Protein backbone atom coordinates (compact mmCIF):
# COMPACT_ATOMS: atom_id res chain seq x y z
CA MET A 1 49.24 -12.17 -48.52
CA GLN A 2 52.77 -13.29 -48.38
CA GLU A 3 53.71 -11.33 -45.59
CA LEU A 4 51.30 -13.45 -43.36
CA GLU A 5 53.07 -16.67 -45.15
CA ASN A 6 56.38 -14.55 -44.01
CA LEU A 7 54.82 -14.53 -40.32
CA GLY A 8 54.60 -18.85 -40.44
CA LEU A 9 50.96 -19.01 -41.39
CA ASN A 10 50.24 -21.54 -44.42
CA LYS A 11 47.83 -20.82 -47.62
CA ASN A 12 44.73 -21.90 -45.77
CA GLU A 13 45.99 -20.69 -42.52
CA ILE A 14 45.43 -17.31 -45.02
CA THR A 15 42.11 -17.82 -46.80
CA VAL A 16 40.65 -18.90 -44.04
CA TYR A 17 42.01 -16.44 -41.61
CA ILE A 18 41.00 -13.60 -44.61
CA LEU A 19 37.34 -15.09 -44.82
CA ALA A 20 36.87 -15.11 -40.63
CA LEU A 21 38.05 -11.75 -40.50
CA ARG A 22 35.38 -10.71 -43.28
CA MET A 23 32.64 -12.47 -41.88
CA GLY A 24 32.87 -11.78 -37.82
CA ILE A 25 31.27 -14.80 -36.79
CA SER A 26 30.61 -17.74 -38.93
CA THR A 27 30.29 -21.81 -39.02
CA ALA A 28 32.88 -23.65 -40.84
CA LYS A 29 30.56 -25.09 -43.04
CA ARG A 30 29.98 -21.44 -44.89
CA ILE A 31 33.80 -20.77 -43.36
CA ALA A 32 34.35 -24.14 -45.74
CA ALA A 33 32.12 -23.03 -48.51
CA LEU A 34 33.97 -19.90 -49.10
CA ALA A 35 37.12 -21.25 -48.97
CA GLY A 36 36.22 -24.01 -51.11
CA MET A 37 37.67 -26.47 -49.31
CA PRO A 38 36.50 -29.77 -47.37
CA ARG A 39 35.11 -29.05 -43.68
CA SER A 40 37.31 -31.34 -42.57
CA THR A 41 40.07 -29.42 -43.74
CA THR A 42 39.08 -26.19 -42.22
CA TYR A 43 38.43 -27.37 -39.08
CA ASP A 44 41.84 -28.63 -39.34
CA VAL A 45 42.56 -25.37 -40.49
CA LEU A 46 40.82 -23.48 -37.29
CA GLU A 47 42.22 -25.58 -34.85
CA SER A 48 45.49 -24.79 -35.87
CA LEU A 49 44.78 -20.62 -36.17
CA LYS A 50 42.92 -21.55 -32.35
CA GLY A 51 46.94 -22.80 -31.27
CA LYS A 52 48.41 -19.39 -32.86
CA GLY A 53 45.98 -17.28 -30.61
CA LEU A 54 44.10 -16.88 -34.35
CA ILE A 55 40.72 -17.65 -34.31
CA SER A 56 38.36 -17.72 -30.00
CA THR A 57 35.16 -20.36 -30.33
CA PHE A 58 32.04 -20.35 -29.08
CA THR A 59 28.74 -22.88 -28.92
CA LYS A 60 25.42 -21.52 -29.26
CA ASP A 61 22.45 -23.27 -29.75
CA LYS A 62 24.48 -26.57 -29.87
CA LYS A 63 26.67 -25.16 -32.31
CA GLN A 64 30.07 -24.21 -32.77
CA TYR A 65 30.80 -21.10 -34.20
CA PHE A 66 34.02 -19.69 -35.46
CA GLN A 67 35.37 -15.36 -35.12
CA ALA A 68 39.08 -14.25 -35.63
CA ASN A 69 41.07 -12.66 -33.04
CA LYS A 70 41.58 -8.88 -33.50
CA PRO A 71 45.08 -8.61 -35.86
CA LYS A 72 46.86 -7.13 -33.82
CA VAL A 73 47.36 -10.72 -31.94
CA LEU A 74 50.30 -11.21 -34.61
CA LEU A 75 51.98 -8.16 -33.13
CA GLU A 76 51.41 -9.27 -29.02
CA GLN A 77 52.79 -12.77 -31.20
CA LEU A 78 55.97 -11.43 -32.70
CA LYS A 79 56.24 -9.23 -29.15
CA GLU A 80 56.55 -12.43 -27.20
CA LYS A 81 58.81 -14.19 -29.60
CA GLY A 82 60.87 -11.01 -29.80
CA ASN A 83 61.09 -11.34 -26.17
CA ILE A 84 61.84 -14.93 -25.89
CA ALA A 85 64.61 -14.91 -28.37
CA ALA A 86 66.05 -11.53 -26.38
CA ARG A 87 66.02 -14.00 -23.07
CA ILE A 88 67.63 -17.31 -25.00
CA VAL A 89 70.67 -15.59 -27.18
CA PRO A 90 72.96 -14.86 -24.15
CA GLU A 91 72.88 -18.24 -23.46
CA LEU A 92 73.17 -19.46 -26.75
CA GLU A 93 75.75 -16.88 -27.03
CA LYS A 94 78.02 -18.68 -24.72
CA ILE A 95 78.25 -21.81 -26.43
CA GLN A 96 79.02 -20.69 -29.49
CA GLY A 97 81.66 -22.14 -30.73
CA THR A 98 82.32 -24.16 -28.03
CA ILE A 99 84.31 -27.31 -29.40
CA ILE A 100 82.36 -31.05 -28.79
CA GLU A 101 85.41 -33.49 -28.24
């Protein structure tokens, strides 16, 4: 999905996120098998997605499970980025065009 790439996800993140959405709750081993990538890479990608708020984890019977968060999280993140940009733009405009000597 090119749109997800435009939102800042790389190809591995997109693959894993889409699989997690389709699967519901799963292990990294199962996701790795379906994604066709090494388990260590899958763990790295899952941690990256977790850091972006797109994946949640929980442990059951000493086994870690992963679950995609609702896709609306993407929209909430974009709104927050827009809010941050709106707050800093006035300060950036004040310094635009000033010369440092």
